[in-house]
Protein backbone atom coordinates (compact mmCIF):
# COMPACT_ATOMS: atom_id res chain seq x y z
CA MET A 1 -212.45 3.89 -134.62
CA LEU A 2 -214.70 4.87 -131.72
CA ASP A 3 -217.52 2.42 -131.18
CA LEU A 4 -220.70 3.59 -129.48
CA ILE A 5 -221.88 2.09 -126.21
CA ASP A 6 -225.41 0.86 -125.79
CA ARG A 7 -226.42 2.92 -122.72
CA SER A 8 -229.49 0.78 -122.07
CA SER A 9 -227.23 -1.98 -120.74
CA VAL A 10 -225.54 0.24 -118.12
CA VAL A 11 -226.42 -0.74 -114.56
CA HIS A 12 -227.50 2.02 -112.16
CA THR A 13 -228.47 2.00 -108.52
CA GLN A 14 -231.11 4.48 -107.46
CA GLU A 15 -230.66 7.05 -104.73
CA HIS A 16 -232.47 6.00 -101.57
CA THR A 17 -232.57 6.97 -97.90
CA GLU A 18 -232.28 4.84 -94.76
CA THR A 19 -232.38 5.83 -91.09
CA TYR A 20 -230.10 4.15 -88.53
CA THR A 21 -229.47 4.36 -84.81
CA ILE A 22 -226.02 5.61 -83.78
CA PRO A 23 -224.62 2.10 -83.01
CA GLU A 24 -225.97 0.69 -86.31
CA PHE A 25 -224.45 3.59 -88.24
CA GLN A 26 -221.07 3.21 -86.51
CA LYS A 27 -220.98 -0.51 -87.31
CA LEU A 28 -221.72 0.12 -91.00
CA VAL A 29 -219.03 2.83 -91.19
CA LEU A 30 -216.42 0.66 -89.47
CA ASP A 31 -217.29 -2.24 -91.81
CA GLY A 32 -216.76 0.08 -94.80
CA LYS A 33 -220.33 -0.27 -96.07
CA ILE A 34 -220.98 3.48 -95.82
CA THR A 35 -218.41 6.04 -97.04
CA ASP A 36 -218.45 9.67 -98.16
CA ARG A 37 -218.18 8.42 -101.72
CA THR A 38 -221.29 6.23 -101.52
CA ALA A 39 -223.56 8.24 -99.21
CA THR A 40 -224.27 11.44 -97.32
CA ALA A 41 -225.35 11.47 -93.69
CA LYS A 42 -227.49 13.86 -91.66
CA LEU A 43 -228.25 13.95 -87.97
CA VAL A 44 -231.87 13.33 -86.97
CA ILE A 45 -232.79 14.77 -83.57
CA GLY A 46 -236.19 13.97 -82.10
CA GLY A 47 -237.48 12.76 -85.46
CA PHE A 48 -236.45 15.90 -87.41
CA VAL A 49 -233.46 16.23 -89.74
CA ASN A 50 -231.03 18.82 -88.36
CA ASP A 51 -229.05 20.60 -91.09
CA SER A 52 -226.83 22.59 -88.70
CA TYR A 53 -224.65 19.49 -88.19
CA HIS A 54 -222.55 18.05 -91.02
CA ILE A 55 -221.29 14.48 -90.80
CA TYR A 56 -218.02 13.52 -92.51
CA ILE A 57 -218.30 9.75 -92.74
CA ASP A 58 -214.73 8.85 -93.75
CA ARG A 59 -213.13 11.12 -91.15
CA MET A 60 -215.63 10.03 -88.48
CA LEU A 61 -216.16 13.69 -87.69
CA VAL A 62 -219.17 15.91 -87.03
CA THR A 63 -218.98 19.67 -87.53
CA ARG A 64 -221.32 22.43 -86.55
CA SER A 65 -221.33 26.08 -87.55
CA THR A 66 -219.42 26.84 -84.33
CA GLY A 67 -216.73 24.21 -85.05
CA VAL A 68 -215.97 20.53 -84.59
CA ILE A 69 -218.14 18.59 -82.16
CA THR A 70 -217.58 15.05 -80.94
CA TYR A 71 -220.11 12.27 -80.62
CA ARG A 72 -219.70 12.58 -76.85
CA GLY A 73 -220.53 16.28 -77.12
CA ILE A 74 -223.70 15.47 -79.03
CA LEU A 75 -224.65 12.82 -76.47
CA ARG A 76 -224.25 15.40 -73.69
CA LEU A 77 -226.75 17.65 -75.47
CA TYR A 78 -229.27 14.96 -76.46
CA ARG A 79 -230.39 11.54 -75.27
CA MET A 80 -229.32 8.50 -77.30
CA GLU A 81 -232.98 7.62 -77.97
CA ASP A 82 -233.52 11.03 -79.64
CA LEU A 83 -230.62 10.63 -82.07
CA GLN A 84 -230.59 8.84 -85.40
CA ILE A 85 -228.57 9.14 -88.60
CA GLN A 86 -230.31 9.56 -91.95
CA VAL A 87 -228.15 8.13 -94.73
CA THR A 88 -228.88 8.98 -98.35
CA TYR A 89 -227.13 6.50 -100.62
CA LYS A 90 -225.94 8.16 -103.82
CA ALA A 91 -227.02 6.80 -107.19
CA GLN A 92 -224.13 4.88 -108.70
CA ARG A 93 -223.36 3.78 -112.20
CA PHE A 94 -221.59 0.50 -112.77
CA PHE A 95 -219.68 -0.35 -115.93
CA THR A 96 -221.00 -3.01 -118.22
CA ARG A 97 -218.67 -5.90 -118.92
CA GLU A 98 -217.82 -4.49 -122.35
CA GLU A 99 -216.95 -1.06 -120.92
CA TYR A 100 -214.79 -2.62 -118.22
CA LYS A 101 -212.86 -4.69 -120.78
CA ARG A 102 -212.39 -1.69 -123.06
CA ASN A 103 -211.17 0.51 -120.17
CA SER A 104 -208.72 -2.19 -119.07
CA LYS A 105 -207.40 -2.52 -122.63
CA ASP A 106 -207.05 1.27 -122.96
CA LYS A 107 -205.06 1.45 -119.71
CA LYS A 108 -202.71 -1.32 -120.88
CA ASP A 109 -202.23 0.45 -124.22
CA LYS A 110 -201.40 3.73 -122.48
CA ARG A 111 -198.83 2.00 -120.25
CA LYS A 112 -197.20 0.39 -123.30
CA ARG A 113 -197.05 3.73 -125.14
CA GLY A 114 -195.51 5.37 -122.07
CA LYS A 115 -192.70 2.78 -121.89
CA ARG A 116 -191.74 3.27 -125.55
CA SER A 117 -190.95 6.97 -125.21
């Protein structure tokens, strides 16, 4: 029988935005604290968000409507002091302990059923 989950006990993180310098952003990406799954990144030039550049965090790649551009290419166009990265952390939902246990049990049951056939 399907039992209902009390949704009030589910833990959520709220979406929020932080702005980092290029070296700070690179350190967080290399440490694995920022990924495409957890956040989106936009280039801030001279204090204004520039939507013509798209940052792929996991691939460490920046694209523009004209094609791929490197960090060096961006630094040739702008001074380091004018550049920042705006990171919007995505809202995430974490399983409650009960949900986690139930999911683990369901996975084990599926594996057992698969071995029988």
